[in-house]
Amino acid sequence: MARAQHGTTSRAKSRAQSRTGLLPLAAGILSAVALTGAAFATVEAAACTGSAQYIRHDNHIELVGGCVNGTELPATSGTRQANALPENSKP
């Protein structure tokens, strides 16, 4: 009889643990939906005159249009080749 009670107790524990396991899952899904909604709202609120597009020139690619103005970007020091590796990279 003690054996039967032990089996019933372990099933009840298992059910309780599965219910508590759903709470973090639901919280994760809810936060993902909320962040996705916030991202869409942010993009919709941005007042861009036109969509941006990349234009390839002979030796560089240029972003034309969109919300980014070139004067708002920080100045760079020097030029860099497209196939050059960063200084701290290992070959």
PDB file of N, CA and C in Angstrom:
ATOM      1  N   MET A   1       0.810  -1.186   0.000  1.00  0.00           N
ATOM      2  CA  MET A   1       0.000   0.000   0.000  1.00  0.00           C
ATOM      3  C   MET A   1       0.862   1.262   0.000  1.00  0.00           C
ATOM      4  N   ALA A   2       1.976   1.223   0.704  1.00  0.00           N
ATOM      5  CA  ALA A   2       2.879   2.373   0.723  1.00  0.00           C
ATOM      6  C   ALA A   2       3.407   2.639  -0.676  1.00  0.00           C
ATOM      7  N   ARG A   3       3.579   1.572  -1.422  1.00  0.00           N
ATOM      8  CA  ARG A   3       4.083   1.717  -2.777  1.00  0.00           C
ATOM      9  C   ARG A   3       3.074   2.459  -3.663  1.00  0.00           C
ATOM     10  N   ALA A   4       1.825   2.180  -3.532  1.00  0.00           N
ATOM     11  CA  ALA A   4       0.787   2.835  -4.321  1.00  0.00           C
ATOM     12  C   ALA A   4       0.704   4.316  -3.975  1.00  0.00           C
ATOM     13  N   GLN A   5       0.854   4.645  -2.722  1.00  0.00           N
ATOM     14  CA  GLN A   5       0.799   6.050  -2.321  1.00  0.00           C
ATOM     15  C   GLN A   5       1.997   6.810  -2.887  1.00  0.00           C
ATOM     16  N   HIS A   6       3.157   6.168  -2.909  1.00  0.00           N
ATOM     17  CA  HIS A   6       4.355   6.816  -3.439  1.00  0.00           C
ATOM     18  C   HIS A   6       4.188   7.133  -4.927  1.00  0.00           C
ATOM     19  N   GLY A   7       3.590   6.203  -5.682  1.00  0.00           N
ATOM     20  CA  GLY A   7       3.369   6.419  -7.102  1.00  0.00           C
ATOM     21  C   GLY A   7       2.401   7.562  -7.350  1.00  0.00           C
ATOM     22  N   THR A   8       1.386   7.662  -6.540  1.00  0.00           N
ATOM     23  CA  THR A   8       0.412   8.746  -6.677  1.00  0.00           C
ATOM     24  C   THR A   8       1.046  10.085  -6.348  1.00  0.00           C
ATOM     25  N   THR A   9       1.875  10.104  -5.324  1.00  0.00           N
ATOM     26  CA  THR A   9       2.550  11.336  -4.931  1.00  0.00           C
ATOM     27  C   THR A   9       3.498  11.817  -6.025  1.00  0.00           C
ATOM     28  N   SER A  10       4.219  10.907  -6.637  1.00  0.00           N
ATOM     29  CA  SER A  10       5.168  11.313  -7.680  1.00  0.00           C
ATOM     30  C   SER A  10       4.426  11.837  -8.901  1.00  0.00           C
ATOM     31  N   ARG A  11       3.255  11.290  -9.227  1.00  0.00           N
ATOM     32  CA  ARG A  11       2.470  11.805 -10.349  1.00  0.00           C
ATOM     33  C   ARG A  11       1.976  13.218 -10.055  1.00  0.00           C
ATOM     34  N   ALA A  12       1.529  13.448  -8.831  1.00  0.00           N
ATOM     35  CA  ALA A  12       1.052  14.775  -8.451  1.00  0.00           C
ATOM     36  C   ALA A  12       2.193  15.783  -8.516  1.00  0.00           C
ATOM     37  N   LYS A  13       3.391  15.364  -8.082  1.00  0.00           N
ATOM     38  CA  LYS A  13       4.563  16.239  -8.167  1.00  0.00           C
ATOM     39  C   LYS A  13       4.892  16.551  -9.621  1.00  0.00           C
ATOM     40  N   SER A  14       4.803  15.527 -10.454  1.00  0.00           N
ATOM     41  CA  SER A  14       5.116  15.699 -11.868  1.00  0.00           C
ATOM     42  C   SER A  14       4.158  16.696 -12.513  1.00  0.00           C
ATOM     43  N   ARG A  15       2.868  16.598 -12.188  1.00  0.00           N
ATOM     44  CA  ARG A  15       1.886  17.544 -12.730  1.00  0.00           C
ATOM     45  C   ARG A  15       2.167  18.956 -12.251  1.00  0.00           C
ATOM     46  N   ALA A  16       2.504  19.105 -10.990  1.00  0.00           N
ATOM     47  CA  ALA A  16       2.791  20.439 -10.441  1.00  0.00           C
ATOM     48  C   ALA A  16       4.017  21.039 -11.107  1.00  0.00           C
ATOM     49  N   GLN A  17       5.040  20.206 -11.352  1.00  0.00           N
ATOM     50  CA  GLN A  17       6.249  20.718 -11.997  1.00  0.00           C
ATOM     51  C   GLN A  17       5.970  21.102 -13.444  1.00  0.00           C
ATOM     52  N   SER A  18       5.113  20.352 -14.134  1.00  0.00           N
ATOM     53  CA  SER A  18       4.824  20.701 -15.526  1.00  0.00           C
ATOM     54  C   SER A  18       4.030  21.998 -15.597  1.00  0.00           C
ATOM     55  N   ARG A  19       3.183  22.258 -14.614  1.00  0.00           N
ATOM     56  CA  ARG A  19       2.438  23.523 -14.597  1.00  0.00           C
ATOM     57  C   ARG A  19       3.377  24.692 -14.334  1.00  0.00           C
ATOM     58  N   THR A  20       4.312  24.536 -13.411  1.00  0.00           N
ATOM     59  CA  THR A  20       5.247  25.624 -13.124  1.00  0.00           C
ATOM     60  C   THR A  20       6.228  25.817 -14.273  1.00  0.00           C
ATOM     61  N   GLY A  21       6.466  24.795 -15.065  1.00  0.00           N
ATOM     62  CA  GLY A  21       7.340  24.910 -16.226  1.00  0.00           C
ATOM     63  C   GLY A  21       6.705  25.718 -17.342  1.00  0.00           C
ATOM     64  N   LEU A  22       5.379  25.815 -17.339  1.00  0.00           N
ATOM     65  CA  LEU A  22       4.690  26.584 -18.372  1.00  0.00           C
ATOM     66  C   LEU A  22       4.784  28.084 -18.128  1.00  0.00           C
ATOM     67  N   LEU A  23       4.967  28.491 -16.897  1.00  0.00           N
ATOM     68  CA  LEU A  23       5.038  29.919 -16.584  1.00  0.00           C
ATOM     69  C   LEU A  23       6.228  30.602 -17.262  1.00  0.00           C
ATOM     70  N   PRO A  24       7.443  30.069 -17.173  1.00  0.00           N
ATOM     71  CA  PRO A  24       8.558  30.712 -17.890  1.00  0.00           C
ATOM     72  C   PRO A  24       8.371  30.692 -19.409  1.00  0.00           C
ATOM     73  N   LEU A  25       7.770  29.625 -19.914  1.00  0.00           N
ATOM     74  CA  LEU A  25       7.518  29.554 -21.359  1.00  0.00           C
ATOM     75  C   LEU A  25       6.536  30.640 -21.784  1.00  0.00           C
ATOM     76  N   ALA A  26       5.454  30.781 -21.046  1.00  0.00           N
ATOM     77  CA  ALA A  26       4.461  31.809 -21.361  1.00  0.00           C
ATOM     78  C   ALA A  26       5.059  33.209 -21.234  1.00  0.00           C
ATOM     79  N   ALA A  27       5.886  33.421 -20.212  1.00  0.00           N
ATOM     80  CA  ALA A  27       6.530  34.726 -20.031  1.00  0.00           C
ATOM     81  C   ALA A  27       7.472  35.033 -21.195  1.00  0.00           C
ATOM     82  N   GLY A  28       8.191  34.031 -21.661  1.00  0.00           N
ATOM     83  CA  GLY A  28       9.097  34.226 -22.795  1.00  0.00           C
ATOM     84  C   GLY A  28       8.358  34.558 -24.072  1.00  0.00           C
ATOM     85  N   ILE A  29       7.267  33.855 -24.314  1.00  0.00           N
ATOM     86  CA  ILE A  29       6.477  34.116 -25.515  1.00  0.00           C
ATOM     87  C   ILE A  29       5.841  35.502 -25.446  1.00  0.00           C
ATOM     88  N   LEU A  30       5.309  35.847 -24.291  1.00  0.00           N
ATOM     89  CA  LEU A  30       4.689  37.159 -24.117  1.00  0.00           C
ATOM     90  C   LEU A  30       5.697  38.286 -24.319  1.00  0.00           C
ATOM     91  N   SER A  31       6.903  38.138 -23.773  1.00  0.00           N
ATOM     92  CA  SER A  31       7.908  39.188 -23.944  1.00  0.00           C
ATOM     93  C   SER A  31       8.371  39.277 -25.402  1.00  0.00           C
ATOM     94  N   ALA A  32       8.456  38.142 -26.099  1.00  0.00           N
ATOM     95  CA  ALA A  32       8.844  38.169 -27.513  1.00  0.00           C
ATOM     96  C   ALA A  32       7.793  38.897 -28.351  1.00  0.00           C
ATOM     97  N   VAL A  33       6.524  38.639 -28.052  1.00  0.00           N
ATOM     98  CA  VAL A  33       5.446  39.323 -28.784  1.00  0.00           C
ATOM     99  C   VAL A  33       5.468  40.821 -28.492  1.00  0.00           C
ATOM    100  N   ALA A  34       5.704  41.181 -27.226  1.00  0.00           N
ATOM    101  CA  ALA A  34       5.742  42.602 -26.858  1.00  0.00           C
ATOM    102  C   ALA A  34       6.913  43.315 -27.539  1.00  0.00           C
ATOM    103  N   LEU A  35       8.079  42.693 -27.570  1.00  0.00           N
ATOM    104  CA  LEU A  35       9.241  43.311 -28.217  1.00  0.00           C
ATOM    105  C   LEU A  35       9.053  43.419 -29.733  1.00  0.00           C
ATOM    106  N   THR A  36       8.417  42.414 -30.320  1.00  0.00           N
ATOM    107  CA  THR A  36       8.140  42.487 -31.754  1.00  0.00           C
ATOM    108  C   THR A  36       7.187  43.633 -32.062  1.00  0.00           C
ATOM    109  N   GLY A  37       6.164  43.777 -31.235  1.00  0.00           N
ATOM    110  CA  GLY A  37       5.225  44.890 -31.417  1.00  0.00           C
ATOM    111  C   GLY A  37       5.904  46.237 -31.255  1.00  0.00           C
ATOM    112  N   ALA A  38       6.800  46.345 -30.279  1.00  0.00           N
ATOM    113  CA  ALA A  38       7.530  47.599 -30.073  1.00  0.00           C
ATOM    114  C   ALA A  38       8.429  47.909 -31.268  1.00  0.00           C
ATOM    115  N   ALA A  39       9.038  46.889 -31.848  1.00  0.00           N
ATOM    116  CA  ALA A  39       9.896  47.099 -33.016  1.00  0.00           C
ATOM    117  C   ALA A  39       9.082  47.591 -34.207  1.00  0.00           C
ATOM    118  N   PHE A  40       7.929  46.975 -34.438  1.00  0.00           N
ATOM    119  CA  PHE A  40       7.088  47.423 -35.548  1.00  0.00           C
ATOM    120  C   PHE A  40       6.590  48.844 -35.316  1.00  0.00           C
ATOM    121  N   ALA A  41       6.211  49.167 -34.101  1.00  0.00           N
ATOM    122  CA  ALA A  41       5.736  50.517 -33.797  1.00  0.00           C
ATOM    123  C   ALA A  41       6.845  51.548 -34.009  1.00  0.00           C
ATOM    124  N   THR A  42       8.065  51.200 -33.641  1.00  0.00           N
ATOM    125  CA  THR A  42       9.196  52.106 -33.818  1.00  0.00           C
ATOM    126  C   THR A  42       9.466  52.362 -35.298  1.00  0.00           C
ATOM    127  N   VAL A  43       9.428  51.310 -36.090  1.00  0.00           N
ATOM    128  CA  VAL A  43       9.680  51.462 -37.524  1.00  0.00           C
ATOM    129  C   VAL A  43       8.569  52.281 -38.175  1.00  0.00           C
ATOM    130  N   GLU A  44       7.340  52.036 -37.781  1.00  0.00           N
ATOM    131  CA  GLU A  44       6.223  52.793 -38.347  1.00  0.00           C
ATOM    132  C   GLU A  44       6.286  54.267 -37.959  1.00  0.00           C
ATOM    133  N   ALA A  45       6.795  54.569 -36.764  1.00  0.00           N
ATOM    134  CA  ALA A  45       6.854  55.946 -36.284  1.00  0.00           C
ATOM    135  C   ALA A  45       8.007  56.732 -36.915  1.00  0.00           C
ATOM    136  N   ALA A  46       8.983  56.046 -37.485  1.00  0.00           N
ATOM    137  CA  ALA A  46      10.115  56.733 -38.107  1.00  0.00           C
ATOM    138  C   ALA A  46       9.631  57.475 -39.350  1.00  0.00           C
ATOM    139  N   ALA A  47       9.990  58.720 -39.438  1.00  0.00           N
ATOM    140  CA  ALA A  47       9.521  59.553 -40.547  1.00  0.00           C
ATOM    141  C   ALA A  47      10.554  59.578 -41.662  1.00  0.00           C
ATOM    142  N   CYS A  48      10.634  58.501 -42.411  1.00  0.00           N
ATOM    143  CA  CYS A  48      11.571  58.426 -43.531  1.00  0.00           C
ATOM    144  C   CYS A  48      10.861  58.882 -44.796  1.00  0.00           C
ATOM    145  N   THR A  49      11.567  59.663 -45.609  1.00  0.00           N
ATOM    146  CA  THR A  49      10.968  60.158 -46.839  1.00  0.00           C
ATOM    147  C   THR A  49      10.873  59.068 -47.889  1.00  0.00           C
ATOM    148  N   GLY A  50      11.800  58.182 -47.922  1.00  0.00           N
ATOM    149  CA  GLY A  50      11.781  57.099 -48.907  1.00  0.00           C
ATOM    150  C   GLY A  50      12.566  55.917 -48.396  1.00  0.00           C
ATOM    151  N   SER A  51      12.385  54.791 -49.029  1.00  0.00           N
ATOM    152  CA  SER A  51      13.121  53.610 -48.581  1.00  0.00           C
ATOM    153  C   SER A  51      14.578  53.714 -49.023  1.00  0.00           C
ATOM    154  N   ALA A  52      15.437  53.153 -48.219  1.00  0.00           N
ATOM    155  CA  ALA A  52      16.865  53.195 -48.515  1.00  0.00           C
ATOM    156  C   ALA A  52      17.220  52.110 -49.522  1.00  0.00           C
ATOM    157  N   GLN A  53      18.271  52.344 -50.260  1.00  0.00           N
ATOM    158  CA  GLN A  53      18.767  51.341 -51.185  1.00  0.00           C
ATOM    159  C   GLN A  53      20.283  51.449 -51.277  1.00  0.00           C
ATOM    160  N   TYR A  54      20.922  50.325 -51.514  1.00  0.00           N
ATOM    161  CA  TYR A  54      22.374  50.287 -51.664  1.00  0.00           C
ATOM    162  C   TYR A  54      22.708  50.373 -53.147  1.00  0.00           C
ATOM    163  N   ILE A  55      23.640  51.257 -53.479  1.00  0.00           N
ATOM    164  CA  ILE A  55      24.086  51.409 -54.854  1.00  0.00           C
ATOM    165  C   ILE A  55      25.564  51.056 -54.907  1.00  0.00           C
ATOM    166  N   ARG A  56      25.902  50.107 -55.778  1.00  0.00           N
ATOM    167  CA  ARG A  56      27.291  49.662 -55.910  1.00  0.00           C
ATOM    168  C   ARG A  56      27.999  50.510 -56.959  1.00  0.00           C
ATOM    169  N   HIS A  57      29.135  51.081 -56.540  1.00  0.00           N
ATOM    170  CA  HIS A  57      29.997  51.835 -57.452  1.00  0.00           C
ATOM    171  C   HIS A  57      31.209  50.962 -57.753  1.00  0.00           C
ATOM    172  N   ASP A  58      32.192  51.504 -58.454  1.00  0.00           N
ATOM    173  CA  ASP A  58      33.360  50.711 -58.830  1.00  0.00           C
ATOM    174  C   ASP A  58      34.087  50.131 -57.621  1.00  0.00           C
ATOM    175  N   ASN A  59      34.346  50.965 -56.602  1.00  0.00           N
ATOM    176  CA  ASN A  59      35.162  50.487 -55.493  1.00  0.00           C
ATOM    177  C   ASN A  59      34.488  50.622 -54.127  1.00  0.00           C
ATOM    178  N   HIS A  60      33.209  50.946 -54.092  1.00  0.00           N
ATOM    179  CA  HIS A  60      32.513  51.042 -52.808  1.00  0.00           C
ATOM    180  C   HIS A  60      30.999  50.906 -52.997  1.00  0.00           C
ATOM    181  N   ILE A  61      30.321  50.705 -51.883  1.00  0.00           N
ATOM    182  CA  ILE A  61      28.862  50.615 -51.884  1.00  0.00           C
ATOM    183  C   ILE A  61      28.326  51.810 -51.103  1.00  0.00           C
ATOM    184  N   GLU A  62      27.284  52.446 -51.634  1.00  0.00           N
ATOM    185  CA  GLU A  62      26.737  53.651 -51.020  1.00  0.00           C
ATOM    186  C   GLU A  62      25.275  53.417 -50.634  1.00  0.00           C
ATOM    187  N   LEU A  63      24.899  53.837 -49.430  1.00  0.00           N
ATOM    188  CA  LEU A  63      23.519  53.789 -48.981  1.00  0.00           C
ATOM    189  C   LEU A  63      22.849  55.105 -49.349  1.00  0.00           C
ATOM    190  N   VAL A  64      21.791  55.038 -50.140  1.00  0.00           N
ATOM    191  CA  VAL A  64      21.107  56.237 -50.598  1.00  0.00           C
ATOM    192  C   VAL A  64      19.666  56.201 -50.090  1.00  0.00           C
ATOM    193  N   GLY A  65      19.225  57.307 -49.502  1.00  0.00           N
ATOM    194  CA  GLY A  65      17.865  57.398 -49.000  1.00  0.00           C
ATOM    195  C   GLY A  65      17.756  56.881 -47.575  1.00  0.00           C
ATOM    196  N   GLY A  66      16.533  56.778 -47.104  1.00  0.00           N
ATOM    197  CA  GLY A  66      16.296  56.280 -45.758  1.00  0.00           C
ATOM    198  C   GLY A  66      16.365  57.379 -44.724  1.00  0.00           C
ATOM    199  N   CYS A  67      16.442  56.986 -43.467  1.00  0.00           N
ATOM    200  CA  CYS A  67      16.409  57.933 -42.352  1.00  0.00           C
ATOM    201  C   CYS A  67      17.790  58.423 -41.926  1.00  0.00           C
ATOM    202  N   VAL A  68      18.841  57.802 -42.410  1.00  0.00           N
ATOM    203  CA  VAL A  68      20.186  58.166 -41.968  1.00  0.00           C
ATOM    204  C   VAL A  68      20.740  59.244 -42.876  1.00  0.00           C
ATOM    205  N   ASN A  69      21.201  60.320 -42.252  1.00  0.00           N
ATOM    206  CA  ASN A  69      21.831  61.410 -42.986  1.00  0.00           C
ATOM    207  C   ASN A  69      23.336  61.289 -42.757  1.00  0.00           C
ATOM    208  N   GLY A  70      24.120  61.418 -43.789  1.00  0.00           N
ATOM    209  CA  GLY A  70      25.559  61.257 -43.678  1.00  0.00           C
ATOM    210  C   GLY A  70      26.216  62.244 -42.734  1.00  0.00           C
ATOM    211  N   THR A  71      25.629  63.417 -42.567  1.00  0.00           N
ATOM    212  CA  THR A  71      26.204  64.412 -41.663  1.00  0.00           C
ATOM    213  C   THR A  71      26.008  64.032 -40.196  1.00  0.00           C
ATOM    214  N   GLU A  72      25.078  63.130 -39.918  1.00  0.00           N
ATOM    215  CA  GLU A  72      24.841  62.694 -38.545  1.00  0.00           C
ATOM    216  C   GLU A  72      25.782  61.575 -38.103  1.00  0.00           C
ATOM    217  N   LEU A  73      26.504  60.986 -39.048  1.00  0.00           N
ATOM    218  CA  LEU A  73      27.412  59.885 -38.738  1.00  0.00           C
ATOM    219  C   LEU A  73      28.759  60.411 -38.277  1.00  0.00           C
ATOM    220  N   PRO A  74      29.454  59.660 -37.402  1.00  0.00           N
ATOM    221  CA  PRO A  74      30.778  60.101 -36.964  1.00  0.00           C
ATOM    222  C   PRO A  74      31.788  60.017 -38.109  1.00  0.00           C
ATOM    223  N   ALA A  75      32.748  60.907 -38.071  1.00  0.00           N
ATOM    224  CA  ALA A  75      33.787  60.923 -39.106  1.00  0.00           C
ATOM    225  C   ALA A  75      34.708  59.724 -38.923  1.00  0.00           C
ATOM    226  N   THR A  76      35.203  59.208 -40.034  1.00  0.00           N
ATOM    227  CA  THR A  76      36.139  58.084 -39.978  1.00  0.00           C
ATOM    228  C   THR A  76      37.542  58.597 -40.221  1.00  0.00           C
ATOM    229  N   SER A  77      38.499  57.851 -39.734  1.00  0.00           N
ATOM    230  CA  SER A  77      39.895  58.244 -39.942  1.00  0.00           C
ATOM    231  C   SER A  77      40.499  57.365 -41.027  1.00  0.00           C
ATOM    232  N   GLY A  78      40.793  57.944 -42.148  1.00  0.00           N
ATOM    233  CA  GLY A  78      41.436  57.217 -43.230  1.00  0.00           C
ATOM    234  C   GLY A  78      40.452  56.397 -44.044  1.00  0.00           C
ATOM    235  N   THR A  79      41.001  55.705 -45.034  1.00  0.00           N
ATOM    236  CA  THR A  79      40.193  54.836 -45.880  1.00  0.00           C
ATOM    237  C   THR A  79      40.570  53.397 -45.611  1.00  0.00           C
ATOM    238  N   ARG A  80      39.681  52.519 -45.949  1.00  0.00           N
ATOM    239  CA  ARG A  80      39.912  51.099 -45.695  1.00  0.00           C
ATOM    240  C   ARG A  80      39.464  50.322 -46.916  1.00  0.00           C
ATOM    241  N   GLN A  81      40.256  49.353 -47.316  1.00  0.00           N
ATOM    242  CA  GLN A  81      39.898  48.537 -48.466  1.00  0.00           C
ATOM    243  C   GLN A  81      38.807  47.555 -48.067  1.00  0.00           C
ATOM    244  N   ALA A  82      37.988  47.188 -49.026  1.00  0.00           N
ATOM    245  CA  ALA A  82      36.856  46.301 -48.751  1.00  0.00           C
ATOM    246  C   ALA A  82      37.302  44.918 -48.302  1.00  0.00           C
ATOM    247  N   ASN A  83      38.448  44.435 -48.774  1.00  0.00           N
ATOM    248  CA  ASN A  83      38.888  43.094 -48.426  1.00  0.00           C
ATOM    249  C   ASN A  83      39.948  43.095 -47.322  1.00  0.00           C
ATOM    250  N   ALA A  84      40.223  44.229 -46.705  1.00  0.00           N
ATOM    251  CA  ALA A  84      41.221  44.302 -45.641  1.00  0.00           C
ATOM    252  C   ALA A  84      40.673  43.697 -44.358  1.00  0.00           C
ATOM    253  N   LEU A  85      41.540  43.015 -43.620  1.00  0.00           N
ATOM    254  CA  LEU A  85      41.152  42.412 -42.341  1.00  0.00           C
ATOM    255  C   LEU A  85      41.336  43.427 -41.213  1.00  0.00           C
ATOM    256  N   PRO A  86      40.525  43.335 -40.173  1.00  0.00           N
ATOM    257  CA  PRO A  86      40.731  44.215 -39.017  1.00  0.00           C
ATOM    258  C   PRO A  86      42.107  43.992 -38.402  1.00  0.00           C
ATOM    259  N   GLU A  87      42.617  44.997 -37.720  1.00  0.00           N
ATOM    260  CA  GLU A  87      43.966  44.927 -37.160  1.00  0.00           C
ATOM    261  C   GLU A  87      44.124  43.792 -36.148  1.00  0.00           C
ATOM    262  N   ASN A  88      43.069  43.524 -35.364  1.00  0.00           N
ATOM    263  CA  ASN A  88      43.182  42.528 -34.300  1.00  0.00           C
ATOM    264  C   ASN A  88      42.779  41.134 -34.742  1.00  0.00           C
ATOM    265  N   SER A  89      42.592  40.895 -36.052  1.00  0.00           N
ATOM    266  CA  SER A  89      42.197  39.560 -36.527  1.00  0.00           C
ATOM    267  C   SER A  89      43.429  38.686 -36.709  1.00  0.00           C
ATOM    268  N   LYS A  90      43.202  37.381 -36.614  1.00  0.00           N
ATOM    269  CA  LYS A  90      44.295  36.413 -36.799  1.00  0.00           C
ATOM    270  C   LYS A  90      44.058  35.686 -38.116  1.00  0.00           C
ATOM    271  N   PRO A  91      45.068  35.614 -38.979  1.00  0.00           N
ATOM    272  CA  PRO A  91      44.892  34.925 -40.272  1.00  0.00           C
ATOM    273  C   PRO A  91      44.751  33.428 -40.128  1.00  0.00           C
TER     274      PRO A  91
END
